[in-house]
Protein backbone atom coordinates (compact mmCIF):
# COMPACT_ATOMS: atom_id res chain seq x y z
CA MET A 1 22.19 -3.05 -10.96
CA LEU A 2 21.70 -4.68 -8.01
CA LYS A 3 23.37 -9.14 -7.86
CA VAL A 4 22.84 -11.17 -4.67
CA LYS A 5 25.52 -14.02 -4.43
CA PHE A 6 25.01 -16.90 -1.74
CA VAL A 7 27.77 -18.42 0.11
CA GLN A 8 27.95 -21.65 2.55
CA GLY A 9 30.61 -22.73 4.41
CA LYS A 10 30.05 -26.25 6.41
CA ASP A 11 31.13 -24.23 9.85
CA ILE A 12 31.56 -20.02 10.64
CA GLN A 13 35.44 -20.44 9.91
CA THR A 14 34.91 -21.83 6.26
CA LEU A 15 31.57 -19.15 5.92
CA GLU A 16 34.23 -16.27 6.88
CA ASN A 17 36.62 -17.71 4.44
CA ASN A 18 34.73 -17.96 1.26
CA VAL A 19 32.71 -14.92 2.01
CA ASN A 20 36.29 -12.89 2.47
CA GLU A 21 37.26 -14.48 -0.99
CA PHE A 22 33.98 -13.74 -2.71
CA LEU A 23 34.51 -9.82 -1.49
CA ALA A 24 37.93 -9.75 -2.74
CA SER A 25 36.91 -11.13 -6.42
CA LEU A 26 34.53 -7.64 -6.62
CA SER A 27 35.35 -4.67 -8.10
CA SER A 28 31.87 -2.88 -6.81
CA ASP A 29 29.76 -1.90 -4.16
CA VAL A 30 28.97 -4.05 -1.44
CA LYS A 31 25.67 -2.93 0.29
CA ASP A 32 24.15 -5.25 2.80
CA ILE A 33 25.70 -8.68 4.05
CA LYS A 34 23.54 -10.81 5.87
CA HIS A 35 24.04 -14.52 7.23
CA GLU A 36 22.29 -17.23 8.79
CA GLY A 37 23.18 -20.99 9.84
CA ASP A 38 25.53 -22.26 7.08
CA THR A 39 24.56 -19.69 3.98
CA ALA A 40 25.62 -15.40 3.97
CA MET A 41 23.65 -13.48 1.00
CA ILE A 42 25.79 -10.80 -0.33
CA LEU A 43 23.92 -8.14 -1.91
CA TYR A 44 26.00 -6.17 -4.25
CA GLU A 45 25.88 -3.58 -7.01
CA ILE A 46 27.47 -3.50 -10.24
CA ALA A 47 28.46 -0.85 -12.66
CA GLU A 48 27.11 -0.87 -16.08
CA ALA A 49 29.67 -0.54 -18.60
CA TRP A 50 28.47 2.27 -19.99
CA LYS A 51 28.49 4.57 -17.02
CA ASN A 52 32.52 4.32 -16.68
CA ARG A 53 31.91 5.87 -20.52
CA MET A 54 32.89 10.03 -21.25
CA CYS A 55 30.57 12.65 -22.45
CA CYS A 56 32.64 12.66 -26.17
CA GLU A 57 31.80 8.89 -26.39
CA CYS A 58 27.80 9.63 -26.49
CA GLN A 59 25.83 10.27 -29.74
CA TYR A 60 23.85 12.98 -28.06
CA TRP A 61 27.54 14.99 -27.30
CA ASP A 62 28.65 17.65 -29.59
CA ASP A 63 30.96 20.18 -29.61
CA GLY A 64 30.33 22.41 -32.58
CA GLY A 65 32.83 21.32 -34.51
CA GLU A 66 35.37 23.89 -31.73
CA THR A 67 38.19 22.02 -30.47
CA GLY A 68 37.54 23.37 -27.04
CA VAL A 69 36.98 20.76 -24.48
CA THR A 70 33.11 21.66 -23.81
CA GLY A 71 30.24 20.80 -26.11
CA ILE A 72 26.38 20.49 -25.48
CA CYS A 73 24.19 17.13 -24.91
CA HIS A 74 21.42 17.15 -27.15
CA GLU A 75 19.13 15.10 -24.94
CA CYS A 76 19.88 16.64 -21.41
CA GLY A 77 20.36 20.58 -23.19
CA GLN A 78 23.11 20.85 -20.91
CA ARG A 79 26.97 22.39 -21.19
CA ARG A 80 29.07 19.36 -20.49
CA ARG A 81 32.87 18.57 -20.98
CA PHE A 82 34.05 16.00 -22.96
CA ASN A 83 35.49 13.64 -20.07
CA TYR A 84 32.70 13.78 -17.55
CA LYS A 85 30.72 10.51 -17.20
CA ALA A 86 27.86 8.96 -19.03
CA CYS A 87 25.00 10.51 -17.91
CA ASP A 88 21.85 8.29 -17.88
CA CYS A 89 20.61 9.38 -21.18
CA PHE A 90 23.83 7.80 -22.87
CA LYS A 91 24.06 6.20 -25.79
CA ASP A 92 26.97 4.77 -27.65
CA VAL A 93 28.24 6.37 -30.52
CA ARG A 94 29.97 3.12 -32.07
CA GLU A 95 25.73 1.70 -31.86
CA ALA A 96 23.83 2.22 -34.95
CA ARG A 97 21.33 5.09 -34.78
């Protein structure tokens, strides 16, 4: 999800310090930084929490009762390893069906 943050500073040095302070607090990707006068606009993307989940935590992942490390995604129809990152059809096993 894209987010926007406006950062202000009374002079260019303060603005730079404020922007760097905000950037240091991010754990996501910065897409763009624009500045005009005493204001900077930072466009950044945050990863949604489910995107860091694994296939085996999805309601659609099925290991078929085997003890192996691969299963099949019943939504996408593909074989997936248990530790692959969640795809767009991810549905948390903790959610009600």
